[in-house]
Protein backbone atom coordinates (compact mmCIF):
# COMPACT_ATOMS: atom_id res chain seq x y z
CA UNK A 1 41.75 106.22 84.50
CA UNK A 2 45.38 107.36 84.75
CA UNK A 3 45.93 107.18 80.98
CA UNK A 4 42.78 109.23 80.36
CA UNK A 5 44.08 112.01 82.59
CA UNK A 6 47.58 111.81 81.12
CA UNK A 7 46.28 112.19 77.57
CA UNK A 8 43.96 115.09 78.36
CA UNK A 9 46.37 117.11 80.48
CA UNK A 10 49.18 116.65 77.96
CA UNK A 11 47.02 118.07 75.17
CA UNK A 12 45.90 120.94 77.39
CA UNK A 13 49.39 121.77 78.65
CA UNK A 14 50.78 121.68 75.12
CA UNK A 15 48.12 124.14 73.94
CA UNK A 16 48.55 126.47 76.89
CA UNK A 17 52.33 126.42 76.76
CA UNK A 18 52.63 127.25 73.07
CA UNK A 19 51.99 130.88 73.92
CA UNK A 20 54.46 130.85 76.81
CA UNK A 21 57.26 129.24 74.80
CA UNK A 22 56.81 131.54 71.82
CA UNK A 23 56.89 134.57 74.11
CA UNK A 24 60.28 133.46 75.45
CA UNK A 25 61.80 133.24 71.97
CA UNK A 26 65.21 131.64 71.75
CA UNK A 27 66.56 133.34 74.85
CA UNK A 28 68.17 130.97 77.34
CA UNK A 29 67.26 131.91 80.90
CA UNK A 30 69.36 131.28 83.98
CA UNK A 31 68.37 128.67 86.54
CA UNK A 32 65.85 130.20 88.91
CA UNK A 33 65.33 130.03 92.66
CA UNK A 34 64.00 126.49 93.23
CA UNK A 35 61.39 127.65 95.78
CA UNK A 36 58.46 129.78 94.64
CA UNK A 37 55.01 130.59 95.98
CA UNK A 38 52.12 131.70 93.80
CA UNK A 39 48.33 131.53 93.94
CA UNK A 40 46.07 128.83 92.50
CA UNK A 41 42.30 129.11 92.92
CA UNK A 42 42.82 131.65 95.70
CA UNK A 43 45.20 129.49 97.75
CA UNK A 44 49.00 129.44 97.93
CA UNK A 45 50.87 126.85 95.93
CA UNK A 46 54.41 126.23 97.17
CA UNK A 47 56.76 124.94 94.49
CA UNK A 48 60.23 123.47 95.03
CA UNK A 49 61.53 122.70 91.52
CA UNK A 50 65.14 121.63 91.01
CA UNK A 51 66.70 122.98 87.82
CA UNK A 52 63.75 125.15 86.79
CA UNK A 53 64.36 128.26 84.70
CA UNK A 54 62.33 131.46 84.59
CA UNK A 55 60.63 130.28 81.41
CA UNK A 56 59.32 127.26 83.32
CA UNK A 57 57.71 129.46 85.96
CA UNK A 58 56.25 131.61 83.19
CA UNK A 59 54.78 128.46 81.66
CA UNK A 60 53.33 127.43 85.01
CA UNK A 61 51.78 130.88 85.45
CA UNK A 62 50.25 130.53 81.97
CA UNK A 63 48.72 127.17 82.92
CA UNK A 64 47.27 128.61 86.13
CA UNK A 65 45.81 131.67 84.39
CA UNK A 66 44.15 129.53 81.75
CA UNK A 67 42.57 127.15 84.27
CA UNK A 68 41.42 129.96 86.56
CA UNK A 69 39.74 131.75 83.64
CA UNK A 70 37.42 128.76 83.35
CA UNK A 71 37.01 127.43 86.89
CA UNK A 72 38.01 129.86 89.68
CA UNK A 73 34.96 130.99 91.64
CA UNK A 74 36.86 134.05 92.89
CA UNK A 75 37.19 135.41 89.35
CA UNK A 76 33.82 136.96 88.55
CA UNK A 77 34.54 136.63 84.83
CA UNK A 78 35.36 132.90 84.90
CA UNK A 79 33.02 130.46 83.19
CA UNK A 80 32.03 128.77 86.46
CA UNK A 81 31.44 132.06 88.32
CA UNK A 82 29.18 133.17 85.47
CA UNK A 83 27.39 129.82 85.50
CA UNK A 84 26.71 130.07 89.23
CA UNK A 85 25.24 133.56 88.78
CA UNK A 86 23.25 132.57 85.69
CA UNK A 87 19.62 133.29 86.65
CA UNK A 88 17.88 131.34 83.89
CA UNK A 89 17.02 127.67 83.69
CA UNK A 90 15.49 128.00 80.24
CA UNK A 91 18.34 129.66 78.32
CA UNK A 92 21.96 128.94 77.40
CA UNK A 93 25.10 130.66 78.68
CA UNK A 94 27.71 131.16 75.95
CA UNK A 95 31.49 130.85 76.25
CA UNK A 96 34.43 129.79 74.08
CA UNK A 97 36.62 126.75 74.62
CA UNK A 98 38.84 126.54 71.53
CA UNK A 99 41.52 124.36 73.16
CA UNK A 100 39.02 121.99 74.85
CA UNK A 101 40.25 123.08 78.27
CA UNK A 102 36.79 123.16 79.82
CA UNK A 103 35.47 119.98 78.22
CA UNK A 104 38.41 117.88 79.45
CA UNK A 105 37.72 118.83 83.07
CA UNK A 106 33.95 118.57 82.50
CA UNK A 107 34.22 115.00 81.16
CA UNK A 108 36.61 113.90 83.89
CA UNK A 109 34.34 115.41 86.53
CA UNK A 110 31.48 113.14 85.50
CA UNK A 111 33.78 110.13 85.17
CA UNK A 112 35.04 110.47 88.76
CA UNK A 113 31.51 111.16 90.00
CA UNK A 114 30.52 107.81 88.48
CA UNK A 115 33.58 105.96 89.79
CA UNK A 116 32.93 107.10 93.37
CA UNK A 117 29.28 106.02 93.21
CA UNK A 118 28.23 109.67 93.41
CA UNK A 119 30.04 110.42 96.67
CA UNK A 120 32.18 112.99 94.89
CA UNK A 121 29.70 115.72 94.03
CA UNK A 122 30.67 119.42 93.92
CA UNK A 123 27.06 120.65 93.74
CA UNK A 124 26.20 120.36 97.44
CA UNK A 125 27.49 123.77 98.52
CA UNK A 126 23.93 125.01 99.20
CA UNK A 127 23.43 122.05 101.56
CA UNK A 128 26.64 122.92 103.43
CA UNK A 129 25.51 126.55 103.69
CA UNK A 130 22.20 125.50 105.28
CA UNK A 131 23.95 123.20 107.76
CA UNK A 132 26.39 125.95 108.71
CA UNK A 133 23.44 128.01 109.97
CA UNK A 134 22.37 125.32 112.48
CA UNK A 135 23.04 125.51 116.19
CA UNK A 136 25.39 122.82 117.59
CA UNK A 137 23.53 119.54 117.99
CA UNK A 138 20.70 120.49 115.63
CA UNK A 139 19.90 118.53 112.49
CA UNK A 140 18.57 119.74 109.17
CA UNK A 141 14.81 119.34 108.85
CA UNK A 142 13.69 116.74 106.32
CA UNK A 143 11.60 119.31 104.44
CA UNK A 144 14.66 121.57 104.00
CA UNK A 145 16.76 118.64 102.76
CA UNK A 146 14.04 117.61 100.32
CA UNK A 147 13.88 121.15 98.96
CA UNK A 148 17.66 121.30 98.48
CA UNK A 149 17.68 117.97 96.68
CA UNK A 150 15.55 119.43 93.90
CA UNK A 151 18.57 121.39 92.64
CA UNK A 152 21.60 119.66 94.25
CA UNK A 153 23.19 116.57 92.76
CA UNK A 154 25.52 116.30 89.76
CA UNK A 155 23.66 115.24 86.65
CA UNK A 156 24.03 115.83 82.93
CA UNK A 157 20.61 117.48 82.85
CA UNK A 158 21.56 119.77 85.75
CA UNK A 159 24.93 120.80 84.26
CA UNK A 160 24.77 120.48 80.47
CA UNK A 161 27.46 121.46 77.96
CA UNK A 162 26.91 121.75 74.22
CA UNK A 163 29.14 122.87 71.37
CA UNK A 164 28.24 124.75 68.21
CA UNK A 165 30.09 124.08 64.96
CA UNK A 166 29.71 126.03 61.73
CA UNK A 167 28.73 124.53 58.40
CA UNK A 168 32.35 123.70 57.63
CA UNK A 169 32.60 121.74 60.88
CA UNK A 170 34.74 124.29 62.65
CA UNK A 171 34.24 124.97 66.35
CA UNK A 172 32.69 128.37 67.13
CA UNK A 173 31.36 128.41 70.71
CA UNK A 174 30.05 126.39 73.63
CA UNK A 175 26.94 126.60 75.77
CA UNK A 176 26.14 125.71 79.38
CA UNK A 177 22.69 125.31 80.84
CA UNK A 178 21.31 124.31 84.23
CA UNK A 179 18.01 122.80 85.20
CA UNK A 180 17.39 125.15 88.14
CA UNK A 181 18.50 128.76 88.56
CA UNK A 182 19.46 128.03 92.20
CA UNK A 183 21.99 125.36 91.20
CA UNK A 184 25.62 125.99 92.08
CA UNK A 185 28.81 124.07 91.43
CA UNK A 186 32.21 124.62 93.08
CA UNK A 187 35.13 123.32 91.01
CA UNK A 188 37.91 125.24 92.77
CA UNK A 189 39.28 122.14 94.50
CA UNK A 190 38.85 119.67 91.65
CA UNK A 191 40.11 122.03 88.93
CA UNK A 192 42.98 123.13 91.16
CA UNK A 193 44.06 119.51 91.65
CA UNK A 194 43.72 118.92 87.91
CA UNK A 195 45.96 121.96 87.36
CA UNK A 196 48.64 120.37 89.55
CA UNK A 197 48.55 117.33 87.29
CA UNK A 198 49.06 119.55 84.24
CA UNK A 199 52.02 121.27 85.94
CA UNK A 200 53.47 117.89 86.89
CA UNK A 201 53.28 116.57 83.34
CA UNK A 202 54.75 119.78 81.97
CA UNK A 203 57.78 119.48 84.27
CA UNK A 204 58.33 115.80 83.46
CA UNK A 205 57.93 116.36 79.72
CA UNK A 206 60.48 119.18 79.91
CA UNK A 207 63.12 117.01 81.61
CA UNK A 208 62.68 118.45 85.09
CA UNK A 209 62.51 115.23 87.11
CA UNK A 210 62.71 116.50 90.70
CA UNK A 211 60.07 118.76 92.25
CA UNK A 212 57.80 119.15 95.26
CA UNK A 213 54.42 120.90 94.97
CA UNK A 214 52.10 121.67 97.89
CA UNK A 215 48.61 123.12 97.57
CA UNK A 216 45.29 122.86 99.43
CA UNK A 217 46.05 119.68 101.43
CA UNK A 218 47.69 118.13 98.35
CA UNK A 219 51.38 117.23 98.04
CA UNK A 220 53.22 116.02 94.94
CA UNK A 221 56.69 114.61 95.54
CA UNK A 222 58.54 113.74 92.34
CA UNK A 223 61.93 112.22 93.16
CA UNK A 224 62.69 114.60 96.04
CA UNK A 225 64.22 112.77 99.00
CA UNK A 226 65.33 115.71 101.14
CA UNK A 227 64.38 116.07 104.80
CA UNK A 228 60.72 116.90 105.36
CA UNK A 229 59.71 116.10 101.79
CA UNK A 230 60.19 112.34 101.36
CA UNK A 231 58.69 111.66 104.79
CA UNK A 232 55.82 113.79 106.11
CA UNK A 233 55.23 113.72 109.85
CA UNK A 234 51.78 113.76 111.40
CA UNK A 235 50.75 113.96 115.03
CA UNK A 236 47.67 111.75 114.92
CA UNK A 237 44.85 112.01 117.48
CA UNK A 238 44.43 109.92 120.59
CA UNK A 239 46.76 106.96 121.11
CA UNK A 240 47.67 106.66 117.41
CA UNK A 241 50.77 108.69 118.15
CA UNK A 242 53.26 110.41 115.89
CA UNK A 243 53.66 108.84 112.47
CA UNK A 244 55.58 109.53 109.28
CA UNK A 245 54.23 108.83 105.80
CA UNK A 246 56.50 107.91 102.88
CA UNK A 247 55.55 110.16 99.96
CA UNK A 248 58.63 110.15 97.71
CA UNK A 249 57.39 109.76 94.11
CA UNK A 250 53.80 109.86 95.35
CA UNK A 251 50.85 112.23 95.45
CA UNK A 252 49.08 112.68 98.78
CA UNK A 253 45.73 114.26 99.61
CA UNK A 254 44.74 114.79 103.24
CA UNK A 255 41.72 115.94 105.18
CA UNK A 256 42.38 116.87 108.81
CA UNK A 257 39.69 117.19 111.46
CA UNK A 258 38.64 120.71 110.46
CA UNK A 259 38.55 119.83 106.76
CA UNK A 260 36.56 116.65 107.51
CA UNK A 261 33.95 118.75 109.31
CA UNK A 262 33.62 120.99 106.24
CA UNK A 263 33.32 118.02 103.89
CA UNK A 264 30.65 116.36 106.04
CA UNK A 265 28.49 119.48 105.85
CA UNK A 266 27.76 118.37 102.27
CA UNK A 267 26.65 114.88 103.28
CA UNK A 268 23.08 113.85 102.49
CA UNK A 269 23.23 111.85 105.72
CA UNK A 270 23.44 113.53 109.12
CA UNK A 271 27.18 114.20 109.76
CA UNK A 272 26.79 113.00 113.34
CA UNK A 273 26.47 109.46 111.94
CA UNK A 274 29.92 109.60 110.33
CA UNK A 275 32.82 108.87 112.75
CA UNK A 276 35.60 109.99 110.36
CA UNK A 277 38.21 112.38 111.77
CA UNK A 278 41.06 112.23 109.21
CA UNK A 279 41.53 110.91 105.67
CA UNK A 280 44.77 110.25 103.78
CA UNK A 281 44.80 109.15 100.12
CA UNK A 282 47.82 108.35 97.94
CA UNK A 283 47.44 108.10 94.17
CA UNK A 284 49.29 108.71 90.92
CA UNK A 285 47.15 111.75 90.11
CA UNK A 286 46.41 114.87 92.14
CA UNK A 287 42.85 115.07 90.80
CA UNK A 288 42.16 111.43 91.68
CA UNK A 289 43.74 111.75 95.16
CA UNK A 290 41.72 114.89 95.92
CA UNK A 291 38.43 113.43 94.68
CA UNK A 292 38.78 110.16 96.57
CA UNK A 293 39.82 111.97 99.74
CA UNK A 294 36.52 113.84 99.56
CA UNK A 295 34.54 110.74 98.61
CA UNK A 296 36.01 108.42 101.25
CA UNK A 297 35.42 111.03 103.95
CA UNK A 298 31.74 111.12 103.02
CA UNK A 299 31.55 107.32 102.81
CA UNK A 300 33.04 106.76 106.26
CA UNK A 301 35.51 103.96 107.13
CA UNK A 302 33.12 101.02 106.88
CA UNK A 303 31.73 101.88 103.46
CA UNK A 304 35.24 102.79 102.26
CA UNK A 305 36.42 99.28 103.04
CA UNK A 306 33.48 97.72 101.21
CA UNK A 307 34.11 100.03 98.27
CA UNK A 308 37.80 99.13 98.04
CA UNK A 309 37.05 95.41 98.27
CA UNK A 310 34.51 95.61 95.45
CA UNK A 311 36.39 98.13 93.30
CA UNK A 312 40.08 97.68 94.10
CA UNK A 313 41.72 100.48 92.10
CA UNK A 314 45.43 99.74 92.34
CA UNK A 315 46.32 103.39 92.00
CA UNK A 316 44.40 104.44 95.13
CA UNK A 317 45.58 103.77 98.69
CA UNK A 318 43.84 105.11 101.77
CA UNK A 319 44.00 105.47 105.54
CA UNK A 320 41.00 106.73 107.47
CA UNK A 321 40.99 107.65 111.15
CA UNK A 322 37.75 107.44 113.07
CA UNK A 323 36.50 107.76 116.61
CA UNK A 324 34.09 105.91 118.86
CA UNK A 325 33.36 106.04 122.58
CA UNK A 326 36.62 104.22 123.39
CA UNK A 327 39.06 106.30 121.35
CA UNK A 328 40.60 106.72 117.90
CA UNK A 329 41.19 103.93 115.39
CA UNK A 330 42.49 103.55 111.85
CA UNK A 331 41.42 101.64 108.75
CA UNK A 332 43.97 101.30 105.94
CA UNK A 333 44.37 99.45 102.71
CA UNK A 334 47.41 97.12 102.93
CA UNK A 335 49.55 99.18 100.54
CA UNK A 336 48.82 102.37 102.47
CA UNK A 337 49.54 100.75 105.82
CA UNK A 338 53.02 99.84 104.56
CA UNK A 339 53.80 103.51 103.85
CA UNK A 340 53.42 104.58 107.48
CA UNK A 341 56.56 104.72 109.63
CA UNK A 342 55.81 104.80 113.38
CA UNK A 343 57.68 107.39 115.40
CA UNK A 344 55.75 106.41 118.49
CA UNK A 345 53.29 103.52 118.95
CA UNK A 346 51.44 101.66 117.48
CA UNK A 347 53.58 99.59 115.09
CA UNK A 348 50.72 99.48 112.58
CA UNK A 349 48.02 102.06 112.07
CA UNK A 350 45.57 99.45 110.83
CA UNK A 351 44.03 98.77 114.24
CA UNK A 352 40.30 98.69 114.75
CA UNK A 353 37.97 97.97 117.66
C-alpha cells in the first residue's frame, strides 16, 4: 500500500515540478522564511520547512495548483466540480489527463475504499445534507434512505473513467460518466491529503529532511523535534485528562467531536448508535491516515477493533474515544497506546468499561 502511493506520487510530483524547475532556470535563490501559509482545497496549510528556498515554495504551489485543477470542489472549472454538475447519466464528460494525475488518485480511491470494507466512501454527501435538515433527535425515514442509496455508494459503474488513444497508441483524452445525474463525489479531503504526500516526497527527494505540515486535521512531522511539534497536546474529554502524543517522524490524522459529528452524518446507520467522540490515526501516509480516520469513525470502536485484528496493517495505528452512560473511554492499538504521554491521569489511554 505504501509503495503504491510512493511510486504514484513520485511520478506525479516529477511531472508537475518539471515546469517549476525549468521556470527557475539556473538561478540560486536564498533560503526562505521557514514558516509559510497557503491554501489547499480551500483550507489553510501551514508549512514549517527548514532550509527551503523560494524555488521550493514555487514547486509546492505548482503541485497544489495542479491537484486543485482536478479535484477542488470550490473551483468551478475543476474536473470534479464539472462532474458533480454533469446533468447526464447517458453521456460522457471529457477532460485531459496527460500526466496521469487524475487516474493515480482515482485508482487509489477505489483501492482504499476496498481496504476499508467500503467505510471510506466520499459519495455520501447527499445523505449528510438530508440528515442536516432533521430536527435534533429525529431520524431519517427509511424511504428517504432507500431513495438516496440508489445514487450514493462508490462503485465503478457509478464513477467510471475511460481513456481514448489514437491509432498510434498516443493518449488524447479521458472521459468520466456517472450512473445517475444526482450522484455527487467530494474528493477535497482525500485529494488534499494525497497532495500532502506529494509535497512530502518532493521535499525528501530534494534533500530537505526537516519539515512540519499542518492541514485539515492532518499533521506531518518529518524530523522536527522542536517544542509543540514533536509532542502534540490534547485535552481529552471526561476523566481521560490531558495527554501528549508523540508525532516526530509520523503523520497524524484527527477527528474531534465536531468533526466526528460531521462524519457520522454520512453513516448508513443511525449516528445515534455510534458512541465515537474522537479518532486519532497515525500512519506513514497522509492519504492513508485521513481515509482510515474517516473509516474508523464510521465503524465505531468495537468494529474498529475487529477490523484491526482481522486486517492488522502495520502502518496504521489508532486511538478512538467513545462515550457511554458512565463516561468516556478509549480503545487503542498497542503501538498507538505507546505513543501517548500522560500529562494527567490515566497512565494508559487504553481503558474500557
